[in-house]
Amino acid sequence: MLMFTILSWGLGSFFYKLANNQMHPVVVSSFATIVYLILTPFNYWLFKPNTSISLGGVFWSLAGATFMSVGSLSYFFTLKSGNNGGQITATTSVYPIATIILSCCFLG
């Protein structure tokens, strides 16, 4: 599954760069969001997740989605800047370091 994740994200970044060469980053982000909305019901059907919902879980999910959306949009703008897409993707791929630091500071 790990290799599938790497391949999928690699292909996604490649296609995002191609899209950003032809459209505004906000438009690219909008189409990406539409695809997520279309695939979500399919994912529920395929994986049959536990449907328990908590207020805290909803809050943290929305907070995470907000920051991921802002991050994606800034990524698309960076790709649009005309710089090397491979370097941009490689550099942004160190974001788990921020997750580790935040987790260590706030979650122990």
PDB file of N, CA and C in Angstrom:
ATOM      1  N   MET A   1       0.821  -1.187   0.000  1.00  0.00           N
ATOM      2  CA  MET A   1       0.000   0.000   0.000  1.00  0.00           C
ATOM      3  C   MET A   1       0.871   1.259   0.000  1.00  0.00           C
ATOM      4  N   LEU A   2       2.018   1.198   0.679  1.00  0.00           N
ATOM      5  CA  LEU A   2       2.916   2.352   0.724  1.00  0.00           C
ATOM      6  C   LEU A   2       3.381   2.739  -0.680  1.00  0.00           C
ATOM      7  N   MET A   3       3.749   1.759  -1.477  1.00  0.00           N
ATOM      8  CA  MET A   3       4.201   2.051  -2.840  1.00  0.00           C
ATOM      9  C   MET A   3       3.063   2.643  -3.692  1.00  0.00           C
ATOM     10  N   PHE A   4       1.847   2.162  -3.457  1.00  0.00           N
ATOM     11  CA  PHE A   4       0.693   2.707  -4.161  1.00  0.00           C
ATOM     12  C   PHE A   4       0.485   4.178  -3.786  1.00  0.00           C
ATOM     13  N   THR A   5       0.673   4.499  -2.503  1.00  0.00           N
ATOM     14  CA  THR A   5       0.563   5.885  -2.044  1.00  0.00           C
ATOM     15  C   THR A   5       1.603   6.754  -2.723  1.00  0.00           C
ATOM     16  N   ILE A   6       2.847   6.307  -2.734  1.00  0.00           N
ATOM     17  CA  ILE A   6       3.934   7.070  -3.353  1.00  0.00           C
ATOM     18  C   ILE A   6       3.671   7.274  -4.842  1.00  0.00           C
ATOM     19  N   LEU A   7       3.268   6.218  -5.527  1.00  0.00           N
ATOM     20  CA  LEU A   7       2.985   6.318  -6.958  1.00  0.00           C
ATOM     21  C   LEU A   7       1.808   7.258  -7.222  1.00  0.00           C
ATOM     22  N   SER A   8       0.740   7.122  -6.430  1.00  0.00           N
ATOM     23  CA  SER A   8      -0.442   7.969  -6.619  1.00  0.00           C
ATOM     24  C   SER A   8      -0.109   9.440  -6.383  1.00  0.00           C
ATOM     25  N   TRP A   9       0.612   9.738  -5.301  1.00  0.00           N
ATOM     26  CA  TRP A   9       0.969  11.133  -5.020  1.00  0.00           C
ATOM     27  C   TRP A   9       1.951  11.661  -6.056  1.00  0.00           C
ATOM     28  N   GLY A  10       2.835  10.815  -6.522  1.00  0.00           N
ATOM     29  CA  GLY A  10       3.762  11.242  -7.570  1.00  0.00           C
ATOM     30  C   GLY A  10       3.033  11.576  -8.863  1.00  0.00           C
ATOM     31  N   LEU A  11       2.114  10.721  -9.263  1.00  0.00           N
ATOM     32  CA  LEU A  11       1.323  10.987 -10.460  1.00  0.00           C
ATOM     33  C   LEU A  11       0.447  12.226 -10.265  1.00  0.00           C
ATOM     34  N   GLY A  12      -0.146  12.348  -9.080  1.00  0.00           N
ATOM     35  CA  GLY A  12      -0.985  13.507  -8.806  1.00  0.00           C
ATOM     36  C   GLY A  12      -0.211  14.809  -8.931  1.00  0.00           C
ATOM     37  N   SER A  13       0.987  14.869  -8.363  1.00  0.00           N
ATOM     38  CA  SER A  13       1.813  16.073  -8.456  1.00  0.00           C
ATOM     39  C   SER A  13       2.200  16.366  -9.899  1.00  0.00           C
ATOM     40  N   PHE A  14       2.511  15.324 -10.648  1.00  0.00           N
ATOM     41  CA  PHE A  14       2.857  15.490 -12.068  1.00  0.00           C
ATOM     42  C   PHE A  14       1.678  16.089 -12.841  1.00  0.00           C
ATOM     43  N   PHE A  15       0.485  15.532 -12.617  1.00  0.00           N
ATOM     44  CA  PHE A  15      -0.693  16.027 -13.318  1.00  0.00           C
ATOM     45  C   PHE A  15      -1.071  17.438 -12.862  1.00  0.00           C
ATOM     46  N   TYR A  16      -0.876  17.724 -11.569  1.00  0.00           N
ATOM     47  CA  TYR A  16      -1.127  19.083 -11.081  1.00  0.00           C
ATOM     48  C   TYR A  16      -0.222  20.096 -11.777  1.00  0.00           C
ATOM     49  N   LYS A  17       1.032  19.735 -11.984  1.00  0.00           N
ATOM     50  CA  LYS A  17       1.954  20.643 -12.671  1.00  0.00           C
ATOM     51  C   LYS A  17       1.473  20.884 -14.099  1.00  0.00           C
ATOM     52  N   LEU A  18       1.055  19.843 -14.788  1.00  0.00           N
ATOM     53  CA  LEU A  18       0.532  20.007 -16.145  1.00  0.00           C
ATOM     54  C   LEU A  18      -0.705  20.906 -16.143  1.00  0.00           C
ATOM     55  N   ALA A  19      -1.596  20.710 -15.180  1.00  0.00           N
ATOM     56  CA  ALA A  19      -2.803  21.530 -15.094  1.00  0.00           C
ATOM     57  C   ALA A  19      -2.453  22.986 -14.811  1.00  0.00           C
ATOM     58  N   ASN A  20      -1.477  23.202 -13.921  1.00  0.00           N
ATOM     59  CA  ASN A  20      -1.083  24.563 -13.576  1.00  0.00           C
ATOM     60  C   ASN A  20      -0.405  25.281 -14.732  1.00  0.00           C
ATOM     61  N   ASN A  21       0.116  24.532 -15.686  1.00  0.00           N
ATOM     62  CA  ASN A  21       0.686  25.162 -16.872  1.00  0.00           C
ATOM     63  C   ASN A  21      -0.395  25.753 -17.764  1.00  0.00           C
ATOM     64  N   GLN A  22      -1.638  25.311 -17.576  1.00  0.00           N
ATOM     65  CA  GLN A  22      -2.713  25.723 -18.467  1.00  0.00           C
ATOM     66  C   GLN A  22      -3.837  26.498 -17.789  1.00  0.00           C
ATOM     67  N   MET A  23      -3.928  26.417 -16.461  1.00  0.00           N
ATOM     68  CA  MET A  23      -5.042  27.064 -15.758  1.00  0.00           C
ATOM     69  C   MET A  23      -4.533  27.765 -14.501  1.00  0.00           C
ATOM     70  N   HIS A  24      -5.354  28.638 -13.959  1.00  0.00           N
ATOM     71  CA  HIS A  24      -5.058  29.342 -12.719  1.00  0.00           C
ATOM     72  C   HIS A  24      -5.089  28.346 -11.556  1.00  0.00           C
ATOM     73  N   PRO A  25      -4.212  28.513 -10.550  1.00  0.00           N
ATOM     74  CA  PRO A  25      -4.191  27.577  -9.423  1.00  0.00           C
ATOM     75  C   PRO A  25      -5.528  27.416  -8.701  1.00  0.00           C
ATOM     76  N   VAL A  26      -6.312  28.471  -8.608  1.00  0.00           N
ATOM     77  CA  VAL A  26      -7.614  28.353  -7.941  1.00  0.00           C
ATOM     78  C   VAL A  26      -8.543  27.428  -8.732  1.00  0.00           C
ATOM     79  N   VAL A  27      -8.464  27.486 -10.045  1.00  0.00           N
ATOM     80  CA  VAL A  27      -9.286  26.605 -10.880  1.00  0.00           C
ATOM     81  C   VAL A  27      -8.828  25.152 -10.717  1.00  0.00           C
ATOM     82  N   VAL A  28      -7.520  24.935 -10.694  1.00  0.00           N
ATOM     83  CA  VAL A  28      -6.986  23.584 -10.494  1.00  0.00           C
ATOM     84  C   VAL A  28      -7.452  23.042  -9.145  1.00  0.00           C
ATOM     85  N   SER A  29      -7.336  23.863  -8.104  1.00  0.00           N
ATOM     86  CA  SER A  29      -7.776  23.458  -6.770  1.00  0.00           C
ATOM     87  C   SER A  29      -9.264  23.144  -6.753  1.00  0.00           C
ATOM     88  N   SER A  30     -10.054  23.932  -7.469  1.00  0.00           N
ATOM     89  CA  SER A  30     -11.501  23.708  -7.519  1.00  0.00           C
ATOM     90  C   SER A  30     -11.830  22.366  -8.164  1.00  0.00           C
ATOM     91  N   PHE A  31     -11.168  22.055  -9.258  1.00  0.00           N
ATOM     92  CA  PHE A  31     -11.422  20.765  -9.908  1.00  0.00           C
ATOM     93  C   PHE A  31     -10.965  19.598  -9.029  1.00  0.00           C
ATOM     94  N   ALA A  32      -9.857  19.782  -8.316  1.00  0.00           N
ATOM     95  CA  ALA A  32      -9.403  18.727  -7.400  1.00  0.00           C
ATOM     96  C   ALA A  32     -10.451  18.481  -6.322  1.00  0.00           C
ATOM     97  N   THR A  33     -11.028  19.550  -5.802  1.00  0.00           N
ATOM     98  CA  THR A  33     -12.064  19.431  -4.784  1.00  0.00           C
ATOM     99  C   THR A  33     -13.293  18.708  -5.320  1.00  0.00           C
ATOM    100  N   ILE A  34     -13.670  19.000  -6.549  1.00  0.00           N
ATOM    101  CA  ILE A  34     -14.814  18.320  -7.164  1.00  0.00           C
ATOM    102  C   ILE A  34     -14.570  16.810  -7.235  1.00  0.00           C
ATOM    103  N   VAL A  35     -13.351  16.427  -7.599  1.00  0.00           N
ATOM    104  CA  VAL A  35     -13.024  14.996  -7.670  1.00  0.00           C
ATOM    105  C   VAL A  35     -13.117  14.360  -6.285  1.00  0.00           C
ATOM    106  N   TYR A  36     -12.617  15.052  -5.251  1.00  0.00           N
ATOM    107  CA  TYR A  36     -12.719  14.519  -3.888  1.00  0.00           C
ATOM    108  C   TYR A  36     -14.179  14.310  -3.503  1.00  0.00           C
ATOM    109  N   LEU A  37     -15.023  15.272  -3.842  1.00  0.00           N
ATOM    110  CA  LEU A  37     -16.446  15.167  -3.506  1.00  0.00           C
ATOM    111  C   LEU A  37     -17.113  14.006  -4.232  1.00  0.00           C
ATOM    112  N   ILE A  38     -16.720  13.778  -5.463  1.00  0.00           N
ATOM    113  CA  ILE A  38     -17.293  12.671  -6.234  1.00  0.00           C
ATOM    114  C   ILE A  38     -16.829  11.325  -5.685  1.00  0.00           C
ATOM    115  N   LEU A  39     -15.552  11.239  -5.291  1.00  0.00           N
ATOM    116  CA  LEU A  39     -15.007   9.959  -4.841  1.00  0.00           C
ATOM    117  C   LEU A  39     -15.379   9.593  -3.411  1.00  0.00           C
ATOM    118  N   THR A  40     -15.749  10.570  -2.586  1.00  0.00           N
ATOM    119  CA  THR A  40     -16.035  10.285  -1.176  1.00  0.00           C
ATOM    120  C   THR A  40     -17.149   9.260  -0.990  1.00  0.00           C
ATOM    121  N   PRO A  41     -18.286   9.376  -1.648  1.00  0.00           N
ATOM    122  CA  PRO A  41     -19.320   8.331  -1.471  1.00  0.00           C
ATOM    123  C   PRO A  41     -18.827   6.944  -1.904  1.00  0.00           C
ATOM    124  N   PHE A  42     -18.047   6.899  -2.965  1.00  0.00           N
ATOM    125  CA  PHE A  42     -17.484   5.621  -3.408  1.00  0.00           C
ATOM    126  C   PHE A  42     -16.574   5.036  -2.325  1.00  0.00           C
ATOM    127  N   ASN A  43     -15.762   5.890  -1.695  1.00  0.00           N
ATOM    128  CA  ASN A  43     -14.879   5.419  -0.622  1.00  0.00           C
ATOM    129  C   ASN A  43     -15.672   4.857   0.551  1.00  0.00           C
ATOM    130  N   TYR A  44     -16.783   5.502   0.898  1.00  0.00           N
ATOM    131  CA  TYR A  44     -17.635   4.979   1.968  1.00  0.00           C
ATOM    132  C   TYR A  44     -18.183   3.606   1.594  1.00  0.00           C
ATOM    133  N   TRP A  45     -18.620   3.454   0.393  1.00  0.00           N
ATOM    134  CA  TRP A  45     -19.147   2.176  -0.063  1.00  0.00           C
ATOM    135  C   TRP A  45     -18.054   1.105  -0.066  1.00  0.00           C
ATOM    136  N   LEU A  46     -16.868   1.457  -0.534  1.00  0.00           N
ATOM    137  CA  LEU A  46     -15.782   0.491  -0.668  1.00  0.00           C
ATOM    138  C   LEU A  46     -15.211   0.062   0.678  1.00  0.00           C
ATOM    139  N   PHE A  47     -14.977   1.016   1.574  1.00  0.00           N
ATOM    140  CA  PHE A  47     -14.273   0.719   2.826  1.00  0.00           C
ATOM    141  C   PHE A  47     -15.186   0.531   4.027  1.00  0.00           C
ATOM    142  N   LYS A  48     -16.450   0.918   3.909  1.00  0.00           N
ATOM    143  CA  LYS A  48     -17.435   0.745   4.971  1.00  0.00           C
ATOM    144  C   LYS A  48     -16.886   1.152   6.346  1.00  0.00           C
ATOM    145  N   PRO A  49     -16.565   2.455   6.507  1.00  0.00           N
ATOM    146  CA  PRO A  49     -15.961   2.890   7.772  1.00  0.00           C
ATOM    147  C   PRO A  49     -16.965   2.909   8.922  1.00  0.00           C
ATOM    148  N   ASN A  50     -16.430   2.879  10.132  1.00  0.00           N
ATOM    149  CA  ASN A  50     -17.255   3.052  11.324  1.00  0.00           C
ATOM    150  C   ASN A  50     -17.888   4.442  11.220  1.00  0.00           C
ATOM    151  N   THR A  51     -19.170   4.537  11.373  1.00  0.00           N
ATOM    152  CA  THR A  51     -19.853   5.804  11.154  1.00  0.00           C
ATOM    153  C   THR A  51     -20.056   6.622  12.419  1.00  0.00           C
ATOM    154  N   SER A  52     -19.374   6.265  13.522  1.00  0.00           N
ATOM    155  CA  SER A  52     -19.537   7.079  14.725  1.00  0.00           C
ATOM    156  C   SER A  52     -18.865   8.435  14.503  1.00  0.00           C
ATOM    157  N   ILE A  53     -19.569   9.480  14.926  1.00  0.00           N
ATOM    158  CA  ILE A  53     -19.090  10.846  14.720  1.00  0.00           C
ATOM    159  C   ILE A  53     -19.056  11.539  16.075  1.00  0.00           C
ATOM    160  N   SER A  54     -17.949  12.222  16.343  1.00  0.00           N
ATOM    161  CA  SER A  54     -17.832  12.984  17.582  1.00  0.00           C
ATOM    162  C   SER A  54     -17.581  14.449  17.245  1.00  0.00           C
ATOM    163  N   LEU A  55     -17.989  15.328  18.137  1.00  0.00           N
ATOM    164  CA  LEU A  55     -17.811  16.755  17.918  1.00  0.00           C
ATOM    165  C   LEU A  55     -16.329  17.106  17.788  1.00  0.00           C
ATOM    166  N   GLY A  56     -15.498  16.506  18.629  1.00  0.00           N
ATOM    167  CA  GLY A  56     -14.060  16.750  18.543  1.00  0.00           C
ATOM    168  C   GLY A  56     -13.480  16.267  17.227  1.00  0.00           C
ATOM    169  N   GLY A  57     -13.923  15.099  16.790  1.00  0.00           N
ATOM    170  CA  GLY A  57     -13.440  14.562  15.519  1.00  0.00           C
ATOM    171  C   GLY A  57     -13.830  15.440  14.342  1.00  0.00           C
ATOM    172  N   VAL A  58     -15.068  15.961  14.396  1.00  0.00           N
ATOM    173  CA  VAL A  58     -15.520  16.866  13.332  1.00  0.00           C
ATOM    174  C   VAL A  58     -14.674  18.132  13.327  1.00  0.00           C
ATOM    175  N   PHE A  59     -14.450  18.718  14.502  1.00  0.00           N
ATOM    176  CA  PHE A  59     -13.644  19.943  14.591  1.00  0.00           C
ATOM    177  C   PHE A  59     -12.251  19.726  14.025  1.00  0.00           C
ATOM    178  N   TRP A  60     -11.568  18.659  14.464  1.00  0.00           N
ATOM    179  CA  TRP A  60     -10.195  18.424  14.012  1.00  0.00           C
ATOM    180  C   TRP A  60     -10.155  18.068  12.530  1.00  0.00           C
ATOM    181  N   SER A  61     -11.172  17.369  12.033  1.00  0.00           N
ATOM    182  CA  SER A  61     -11.243  17.076  10.600  1.00  0.00           C
ATOM    183  C   SER A  61     -11.371  18.352   9.780  1.00  0.00           C
ATOM    184  N   LEU A  62     -12.245  19.264  10.230  1.00  0.00           N
ATOM    185  CA  LEU A  62     -12.422  20.528   9.524  1.00  0.00           C
ATOM    186  C   LEU A  62     -11.169  21.398   9.601  1.00  0.00           C
ATOM    187  N   ALA A  63     -10.518  21.405  10.760  1.00  0.00           N
ATOM    188  CA  ALA A  63      -9.275  22.169  10.897  1.00  0.00           C
ATOM    189  C   ALA A  63      -8.197  21.606   9.966  1.00  0.00           C
ATOM    190  N   GLY A  64      -8.074  20.290   9.944  1.00  0.00           N
ATOM    191  CA  GLY A  64      -7.093  19.656   9.058  1.00  0.00           C
ATOM    192  C   GLY A  64      -7.392  19.936   7.599  1.00  0.00           C
ATOM    193  N   ALA A  65      -8.656  19.833   7.220  1.00  0.00           N
ATOM    194  CA  ALA A  65      -9.038  20.085   5.830  1.00  0.00           C
ATOM    195  C   ALA A  65      -8.785  21.535   5.442  1.00  0.00           C
ATOM    196  N   THR A  66      -9.014  22.449   6.365  1.00  0.00           N
ATOM    197  CA  THR A  66      -8.765  23.865   6.083  1.00  0.00           C
ATOM    198  C   THR A  66      -7.297  24.103   5.782  1.00  0.00           C
ATOM    199  N   PHE A  67      -6.431  23.595   6.647  1.00  0.00           N
ATOM    200  CA  PHE A  67      -4.994  23.813   6.432  1.00  0.00           C
ATOM    201  C   PHE A  67      -4.468  23.039   5.225  1.00  0.00           C
ATOM    202  N   MET A  68      -5.016  21.846   4.972  1.00  0.00           N
ATOM    203  CA  MET A  68      -4.602  21.106   3.776  1.00  0.00           C
ATOM    204  C   MET A  68      -5.036  21.843   2.517  1.00  0.00           C
ATOM    205  N   SER A  69      -6.212  22.464   2.550  1.00  0.00           N
ATOM    206  CA  SER A  69      -6.686  23.239   1.407  1.00  0.00           C
ATOM    207  C   SER A  69      -5.796  24.452   1.157  1.00  0.00           C
ATOM    208  N   VAL A  70      -5.454  25.168   2.224  1.00  0.00           N
ATOM    209  CA  VAL A  70      -4.558  26.321   2.095  1.00  0.00           C
ATOM    210  C   VAL A  70      -3.194  25.862   1.577  1.00  0.00           C
ATOM    211  N   GLY A  71      -2.703  24.753   2.115  1.00  0.00           N
ATOM    212  CA  GLY A  71      -1.419  24.216   1.660  1.00  0.00           C
ATOM    213  C   GLY A  71      -1.460  23.792   0.200  1.00  0.00           C
ATOM    214  N   SER A  72      -2.537  23.146  -0.204  1.00  0.00           N
ATOM    215  CA  SER A  72      -2.668  22.728  -1.606  1.00  0.00           C
ATOM    216  C   SER A  72      -2.710  23.933  -2.537  1.00  0.00           C
ATOM    217  N   LEU A  73      -3.471  24.935  -2.130  1.00  0.00           N
ATOM    218  CA  LEU A  73      -3.570  26.123  -2.972  1.00  0.00           C
ATOM    219  C   LEU A  73      -2.213  26.822  -3.094  1.00  0.00           C
ATOM    220  N   SER A  74      -1.479  26.919  -1.987  1.00  0.00           N
ATOM    221  CA  SER A  74      -0.152  27.546  -2.077  1.00  0.00           C
ATOM    222  C   SER A  74       0.806  26.686  -2.900  1.00  0.00           C
ATOM    223  N   TYR A  75       0.633  25.371  -2.843  1.00  0.00           N
ATOM    224  CA  TYR A  75       1.418  24.463  -3.678  1.00  0.00           C
ATOM    225  C   TYR A  75       1.137  24.718  -5.158  1.00  0.00           C
ATOM    226  N   PHE A  76      -0.159  24.868  -5.498  1.00  0.00           N
ATOM    227  CA  PHE A  76      -0.524  25.132  -6.889  1.00  0.00           C
ATOM    228  C   PHE A  76       0.044  26.473  -7.362  1.00  0.00           C
ATOM    229  N   PHE A  77      -0.004  27.492  -6.504  1.00  0.00           N
ATOM    230  CA  PHE A  77       0.574  28.788  -6.869  1.00  0.00           C
ATOM    231  C   PHE A  77       2.093  28.677  -7.058  1.00  0.00           C
ATOM    232  N   THR A  78       2.737  27.877  -6.229  1.00  0.00           N
ATOM    233  CA  THR A  78       4.182  27.687  -6.362  1.00  0.00           C
ATOM    234  C   THR A  78       4.506  26.978  -7.678  1.00  0.00           C
ATOM    235  N   LEU A  79       3.717  25.961  -8.023  1.00  0.00           N
ATOM    236  CA  LEU A  79       3.920  25.288  -9.308  1.00  0.00           C
ATOM    237  C   LEU A  79       3.728  26.263 -10.468  1.00  0.00           C
ATOM    238  N   LYS A  80       2.766  27.166 -10.316  1.00  0.00           N
ATOM    239  CA  LYS A  80       2.463  28.131 -11.377  1.00  0.00           C
ATOM    240  C   LYS A  80       3.587  29.154 -11.547  1.00  0.00           C
ATOM    241  N   SER A  81       4.430  29.294 -10.538  1.00  0.00           N
ATOM    242  CA  SER A  81       5.482  30.314 -10.570  1.00  0.00           C
ATOM    243  C   SER A  81       6.518  30.062 -11.661  1.00  0.00           C
ATOM    244  N   GLY A  82       6.486  28.888 -12.264  1.00  0.00           N
ATOM    245  CA  GLY A  82       7.399  28.591 -13.360  1.00  0.00           C
ATOM    246  C   GLY A  82       8.685  27.912 -12.914  1.00  0.00           C
ATOM    247  N   ASN A  83       8.846  27.716 -11.622  1.00  0.00           N
ATOM    248  CA  ASN A  83      10.035  27.031 -11.135  1.00  0.00           C
ATOM    249  C   ASN A  83       9.950  25.534 -11.443  1.00  0.00           C
ATOM    250  N   ASN A  84      11.014  24.833 -11.190  1.00  0.00           N
ATOM    251  CA  ASN A  84      11.102  23.405 -11.459  1.00  0.00           C
ATOM    252  C   ASN A  84      10.093  22.637 -10.600  1.00  0.00           C
ATOM    253  N   GLY A  85       9.138  21.983 -11.255  1.00  0.00           N
ATOM    254  CA  GLY A  85       8.100  21.233 -10.542  1.00  0.00           C
ATOM    255  C   GLY A  85       8.664  20.120  -9.681  1.00  0.00           C
ATOM    256  N   GLY A  86       9.724  19.466 -10.157  1.00  0.00           N
ATOM    257  CA  GLY A  86      10.333  18.390  -9.372  1.00  0.00           C
ATOM    258  C   GLY A  86      10.950  18.910  -8.089  1.00  0.00           C
ATOM    259  N   GLN A  87      11.616  20.033  -8.167  1.00  0.00           N
ATOM    260  CA  GLN A  87      12.217  20.621  -6.966  1.00  0.00           C
ATOM    261  C   GLN A  87      11.149  21.093  -5.988  1.00  0.00           C
ATOM    262  N   ILE A  88      10.086  21.683  -6.522  1.00  0.00           N
ATOM    263  CA  ILE A  88       9.003  22.151  -5.663  1.00  0.00           C
ATOM    264  C   ILE A  88       8.368  20.978  -4.930  1.00  0.00           C
ATOM    265  N   THR A  89       8.067  19.920  -5.657  1.00  0.00           N
ATOM    266  CA  THR A  89       7.436  18.754  -5.040  1.00  0.00           C
ATOM    267  C   THR A  89       8.361  18.104  -4.017  1.00  0.00           C
ATOM    268  N   ALA A  90       9.626  17.986  -4.344  1.00  0.00           N
ATOM    269  CA  ALA A  90      10.583  17.393  -3.396  1.00  0.00           C
ATOM    270  C   ALA A  90      10.706  18.239  -2.136  1.00  0.00           C
ATOM    271  N   THR A  91      10.753  19.537  -2.301  1.00  0.00           N
ATOM    272  CA  THR A  91      10.885  20.416  -1.139  1.00  0.00           C
ATOM    273  C   THR A  91       9.644  20.376  -0.258  1.00  0.00           C
ATOM    274  N   THR A  92       8.470  20.412  -0.871  1.00  0.00           N
ATOM    275  CA  THR A  92       7.248  20.388  -0.066  1.00  0.00           C
ATOM    276  C   THR A  92       7.005  19.029   0.582  1.00  0.00           C
ATOM    277  N   SER A  93       7.680  18.013   0.112  1.00  0.00           N
ATOM    278  CA  SER A  93       7.466  16.677   0.678  1.00  0.00           C
ATOM    279  C   SER A  93       8.087  16.519   2.067  1.00  0.00           C
ATOM    280  N   VAL A  94       8.753  17.541   2.575  1.00  0.00           N
ATOM    281  CA  VAL A  94       9.297  17.459   3.932  1.00  0.00           C
ATOM    282  C   VAL A  94       8.270  17.916   4.969  1.00  0.00           C
ATOM    283  N   TYR A  95       7.026  18.164   4.541  1.00  0.00           N
ATOM    284  CA  TYR A  95       6.005  18.622   5.483  1.00  0.00           C
ATOM    285  C   TYR A  95       5.785  17.682   6.671  1.00  0.00           C
ATOM    286  N   PRO A  96       6.049  16.365   6.559  1.00  0.00           N
ATOM    287  CA  PRO A  96       5.869  15.532   7.757  1.00  0.00           C
ATOM    288  C   PRO A  96       6.764  15.953   8.924  1.00  0.00           C
ATOM    289  N   ILE A  97       7.858  16.647   8.641  1.00  0.00           N
ATOM    290  CA  ILE A  97       8.711  17.138   9.730  1.00  0.00           C
ATOM    291  C   ILE A  97       7.929  18.121  10.598  1.00  0.00           C
ATOM    292  N   ALA A  98       7.123  18.989   9.957  1.00  0.00           N
ATOM    293  CA  ALA A  98       6.283  19.911  10.727  1.00  0.00           C
ATOM    294  C   ALA A  98       5.280  19.130  11.571  1.00  0.00           C
ATOM    295  N   THR A  99       4.727  18.059  11.014  1.00  0.00           N
ATOM    296  CA  THR A  99       3.782  17.226  11.765  1.00  0.00           C
ATOM    297  C   THR A  99       4.460  16.599  12.975  1.00  0.00           C
ATOM    298  N   ILE A 100       5.673  16.099  12.797  1.00  0.00           N
ATOM    299  CA  ILE A 100       6.412  15.475  13.887  1.00  0.00           C
ATOM    300  C   ILE A 100       6.705  16.489  14.991  1.00  0.00           C
ATOM    301  N   ILE A 101       7.164  17.663  14.602  1.00  0.00           N
ATOM    302  CA  ILE A 101       7.477  18.703  15.595  1.00  0.00           C
ATOM    303  C   ILE A 101       6.226  19.105  16.369  1.00  0.00           C
ATOM    304  N   LEU A 102       5.133  19.375  15.657  1.00  0.00           N
ATOM    305  CA  LEU A 102       3.889  19.729  16.344  1.00  0.00           C
ATOM    306  C   LEU A 102       3.408  18.610  17.259  1.00  0.00           C
ATOM    307  N   SER A 103       3.492  17.372  16.790  1.00  0.00           N
ATOM    308  CA  SER A 103       3.059  16.237  17.595  1.00  0.00           C
ATOM    309  C   SER A 103       3.894  16.102  18.861  1.00  0.00           C
ATOM    310  N   CYS A 104       5.201  16.259  18.710  1.00  0.00           N
ATOM    311  CA  CYS A 104       6.070  16.170  19.894  1.00  0.00           C
ATOM    312  C   CYS A 104       5.779  17.290  20.891  1.00  0.00           C
ATOM    313  N   CYS A 105       5.555  18.495  20.391  1.00  0.00           N
ATOM    314  CA  CYS A 105       5.307  19.641  21.273  1.00  0.00           C
ATOM    315  C   CYS A 105       3.945  19.578  21.969  1.00  0.00           C
ATOM    316  N   PHE A 106       2.922  19.147  21.257  1.00  0.00           N
ATOM    317  CA  PHE A 106       1.574  19.235  21.796  1.00  0.00           C
ATOM    318  C   PHE A 106       0.955  17.894  22.211  1.00  0.00           C
ATOM    319  N   LEU A 107       1.473  16.798  21.670  1.00  0.00           N
ATOM    320  CA  LEU A 107       0.884  15.496  21.993  1.00  0.00           C
ATOM    321  C   LEU A 107       1.821  14.599  22.798  1.00  0.00           C
ATOM    322  N   GLY A 108       3.055  15.051  22.941  1.00  0.00           N
ATOM    323  CA  GLY A 108       4.037  14.285  23.694  1.00  0.00           C
ATOM    324  C   GLY A 108       4.566  13.160  22.874  1.00  0.00           C
TER     325      GLY A 108
END
